[in-house]
Amino acid sequence: MPQIFTIQSHNASHYHYDLRLEIDGVLKSFALPKTPPTEPGIKLLAIQTEDHMLEYADFEGEIPQGHYGAGTATL
């Protein structure tokens, strides 16, 4: 069965991208402070954050102030 991955732009306290990879039934999550590269072989910083449920893979919308990750997320 194919595994899920997603990249979200996240306009929170700092604008960044969230990379999410399905591993062992959860989305392992990484914050990317720079735009993901479009060419292979380019390495950038990826900071691991908390795991997310698989249902979060297609989330787009507003995370309310006062909640973890508050701000706008788009796929």
N, C-alpha and C. Protein backbone atom coordinates (compact mmCIF):
# COMPACT_ATOMS: atom_id res chain seq x y z
N MET A 1 0.84 -1.18 0.00
CA MET A 1 0.00 0.00 0.00
C MET A 1 0.90 1.25 0.00
N PRO A 2 0.59 2.24 -0.85
CA PRO A 2 1.39 3.47 -0.89
C PRO A 2 1.31 4.23 0.43
N GLN A 3 2.40 4.88 0.77
CA GLN A 3 2.42 5.69 1.98
C GLN A 3 2.18 7.15 1.61
N ILE A 4 1.72 7.92 2.59
CA ILE A 4 1.37 9.33 2.40
C ILE A 4 2.59 10.21 2.66
N PHE A 5 2.69 11.30 1.88
CA PHE A 5 3.56 12.40 2.26
C PHE A 5 2.87 13.68 1.84
N THR A 6 3.15 14.75 2.54
CA THR A 6 2.55 16.05 2.20
C THR A 6 3.50 17.16 2.59
N ILE A 7 3.37 18.28 1.90
CA ILE A 7 4.11 19.50 2.26
C ILE A 7 3.07 20.61 2.40
N GLN A 8 3.09 21.26 3.55
CA GLN A 8 2.17 22.37 3.79
C GLN A 8 2.98 23.65 3.98
N SER A 9 2.51 24.74 3.41
CA SER A 9 3.07 26.04 3.78
C SER A 9 2.34 26.45 5.05
N HIS A 10 3.08 27.00 5.99
CA HIS A 10 2.52 27.28 7.31
C HIS A 10 2.92 28.68 7.73
N ASN A 11 1.96 29.57 7.72
CA ASN A 11 2.19 30.95 8.13
C ASN A 11 1.83 31.06 9.60
N ALA A 12 2.79 30.72 10.45
CA ALA A 12 2.58 30.73 11.90
C ALA A 12 3.44 31.85 12.48
N SER A 13 4.06 31.63 13.64
CA SER A 13 4.91 32.67 14.22
C SER A 13 6.06 33.03 13.27
N HIS A 14 6.51 32.06 12.49
CA HIS A 14 7.48 32.27 11.41
C HIS A 14 6.99 31.49 10.20
N TYR A 15 7.06 32.09 9.02
CA TYR A 15 6.63 31.39 7.81
C TYR A 15 7.61 30.26 7.51
N HIS A 16 7.09 29.07 7.27
CA HIS A 16 7.92 27.91 6.99
C HIS A 16 7.09 26.87 6.24
N TYR A 17 7.68 25.74 5.96
CA TYR A 17 6.97 24.61 5.34
C TYR A 17 7.01 23.44 6.30
N ASP A 18 5.96 22.62 6.27
CA ASP A 18 5.91 21.40 7.08
C ASP A 18 5.93 20.20 6.13
N LEU A 19 6.91 19.35 6.31
CA LEU A 19 7.01 18.10 5.56
C LEU A 19 6.48 17.00 6.46
N ARG A 20 5.56 16.19 5.95
CA ARG A 20 4.99 15.10 6.74
C ARG A 20 5.11 13.79 5.96
N LEU A 21 5.68 12.78 6.61
CA LEU A 21 5.93 11.47 6.00
C LEU A 21 5.25 10.39 6.82
N GLU A 22 4.47 9.54 6.17
CA GLU A 22 3.82 8.45 6.88
C GLU A 22 4.85 7.37 7.21
N ILE A 23 5.01 7.14 8.51
CA ILE A 23 5.93 6.09 8.99
C ILE A 23 5.28 5.46 10.22
N ASP A 24 5.14 4.15 10.21
CA ASP A 24 4.59 3.41 11.35
C ASP A 24 3.23 3.93 11.80
N GLY A 25 2.36 4.30 10.86
CA GLY A 25 1.00 4.67 11.19
C GLY A 25 0.78 6.10 11.64
N VAL A 26 1.82 6.92 11.61
CA VAL A 26 1.67 8.34 11.96
C VAL A 26 2.39 9.18 10.90
N LEU A 27 2.17 10.48 10.94
CA LEU A 27 2.90 11.39 10.07
C LEU A 27 4.07 11.96 10.86
N LYS A 28 5.28 11.51 10.53
CA LYS A 28 6.48 12.10 11.10
C LYS A 28 6.59 13.49 10.48
N SER A 29 6.83 14.50 11.30
CA SER A 29 6.72 15.88 10.83
C SER A 29 8.03 16.64 11.02
N PHE A 30 8.31 17.47 10.03
CA PHE A 30 9.54 18.26 10.02
C PHE A 30 9.22 19.68 9.56
N ALA A 31 9.76 20.67 10.25
CA ALA A 31 9.63 22.06 9.84
C ALA A 31 10.82 22.40 8.93
N LEU A 32 10.52 22.99 7.78
CA LEU A 32 11.54 23.41 6.82
C LEU A 32 11.53 24.94 6.77
N PRO A 33 12.57 25.59 7.32
CA PRO A 33 12.55 27.06 7.36
C PRO A 33 12.71 27.73 5.99
N LYS A 34 13.15 26.99 4.98
CA LYS A 34 13.31 27.55 3.64
C LYS A 34 12.44 26.78 2.65
N THR A 35 12.19 27.36 1.50
CA THR A 35 11.40 26.72 0.45
C THR A 35 12.02 25.38 0.07
N PRO A 36 11.23 24.30 0.01
CA PRO A 36 11.78 22.99 -0.38
C PRO A 36 12.42 23.08 -1.78
N PRO A 37 13.56 22.43 -1.97
CA PRO A 37 14.24 22.48 -3.28
C PRO A 37 13.46 21.73 -4.35
N THR A 38 13.62 22.15 -5.58
CA THR A 38 12.97 21.47 -6.70
C THR A 38 13.96 20.59 -7.47
N GLU A 39 15.24 20.68 -7.13
CA GLU A 39 16.27 19.88 -7.78
C GLU A 39 16.81 18.86 -6.79
N PRO A 40 17.09 17.64 -7.25
CA PRO A 40 17.65 16.63 -6.35
C PRO A 40 19.06 17.01 -5.89
N GLY A 41 19.42 16.51 -4.72
CA GLY A 41 20.77 16.68 -4.21
C GLY A 41 20.98 17.93 -3.38
N ILE A 42 19.99 18.79 -3.28
CA ILE A 42 20.12 20.00 -2.47
C ILE A 42 19.65 19.68 -1.06
N LYS A 43 20.49 19.97 -0.08
CA LYS A 43 20.17 19.67 1.31
C LYS A 43 19.82 20.95 2.06
N LEU A 44 18.76 20.87 2.85
CA LEU A 44 18.33 21.99 3.68
C LEU A 44 18.05 21.49 5.09
N LEU A 45 18.02 22.42 6.03
CA LEU A 45 17.68 22.10 7.40
C LEU A 45 16.24 21.63 7.50
N ALA A 46 16.00 20.54 8.22
CA ALA A 46 14.67 20.04 8.53
C ALA A 46 14.64 19.71 10.03
N ILE A 47 13.78 20.39 10.77
CA ILE A 47 13.72 20.24 12.21
C ILE A 47 12.53 19.35 12.55
N GLN A 48 12.81 18.18 13.17
CA GLN A 48 11.72 17.27 13.50
C GLN A 48 10.84 17.88 14.58
N THR A 49 9.52 17.78 14.36
CA THR A 49 8.53 18.27 15.32
C THR A 49 7.68 17.09 15.77
N GLU A 50 6.61 17.36 16.48
CA GLU A 50 5.79 16.25 16.99
C GLU A 50 5.08 15.51 15.86
N ASP A 51 4.84 14.22 16.08
CA ASP A 51 4.10 13.41 15.11
C ASP A 51 2.65 13.90 15.03
N HIS A 52 2.04 13.67 13.86
CA HIS A 52 0.63 14.02 13.65
C HIS A 52 -0.14 12.77 13.22
N MET A 53 -1.45 12.77 13.45
CA MET A 53 -2.30 11.66 13.00
C MET A 53 -2.39 11.69 11.48
N LEU A 54 -2.61 10.52 10.87
CA LEU A 54 -2.72 10.43 9.42
C LEU A 54 -3.81 11.34 8.86
N GLU A 55 -4.88 11.55 9.60
CA GLU A 55 -5.99 12.39 9.16
C GLU A 55 -5.57 13.83 8.90
N TYR A 56 -4.43 14.22 9.45
CA TYR A 56 -3.94 15.58 9.30
C TYR A 56 -3.30 15.83 7.93
N ALA A 57 -3.09 14.79 7.15
CA ALA A 57 -2.36 14.90 5.88
C ALA A 57 -3.00 15.85 4.89
N ASP A 58 -4.31 15.97 4.90
CA ASP A 58 -4.97 16.85 3.92
C ASP A 58 -5.55 18.11 4.56
N PHE A 59 -5.04 18.47 5.76
CA PHE A 59 -5.55 19.66 6.45
C PHE A 59 -5.12 20.94 5.76
N GLU A 60 -6.07 21.80 5.54
CA GLU A 60 -5.83 23.18 5.12
C GLU A 60 -6.76 24.05 5.93
N GLY A 61 -6.28 25.15 6.42
CA GLY A 61 -7.16 26.04 7.16
C GLY A 61 -6.42 26.84 8.20
N GLU A 62 -7.19 27.39 9.10
CA GLU A 62 -6.68 28.28 10.14
C GLU A 62 -6.62 27.53 11.46
N ILE A 63 -5.45 27.56 12.10
CA ILE A 63 -5.29 27.01 13.44
C ILE A 63 -5.45 28.21 14.38
N PRO A 64 -6.41 28.17 15.30
CA PRO A 64 -6.72 29.34 16.14
C PRO A 64 -5.55 29.76 17.03
N GLN A 65 -5.49 31.06 17.29
CA GLN A 65 -4.51 31.61 18.24
C GLN A 65 -4.64 30.89 19.58
N GLY A 66 -3.52 30.68 20.25
CA GLY A 66 -3.52 29.98 21.53
C GLY A 66 -3.34 28.48 21.40
N HIS A 67 -3.41 27.94 20.16
CA HIS A 67 -3.19 26.53 19.90
C HIS A 67 -1.82 26.32 19.26
N TYR A 68 -1.27 25.12 19.46
CA TYR A 68 0.02 24.77 18.85
C TYR A 68 -0.05 24.96 17.34
N GLY A 69 0.90 25.71 16.78
CA GLY A 69 0.95 25.91 15.33
C GLY A 69 -0.03 26.95 14.82
N ALA A 70 -0.51 27.83 15.69
CA ALA A 70 -1.52 28.83 15.29
C ALA A 70 -1.08 29.56 14.02
N GLY A 71 -2.01 29.69 13.08
CA GLY A 71 -1.75 30.36 11.82
C GLY A 71 -2.44 29.63 10.69
N THR A 72 -2.12 30.00 9.46
CA THR A 72 -2.75 29.42 8.27
C THR A 72 -1.87 28.33 7.67
N ALA A 73 -2.48 27.18 7.38
CA ALA A 73 -1.78 26.07 6.73
C ALA A 73 -2.45 25.77 5.41
N THR A 74 -1.66 25.66 4.33
CA THR A 74 -2.19 25.29 3.02
C THR A 74 -1.32 24.19 2.42
N LEU A 75 -1.95 23.32 1.64
CA LEU A 75 -1.20 22.24 0.99
C LEU A 75 -0.45 22.78 -0.21
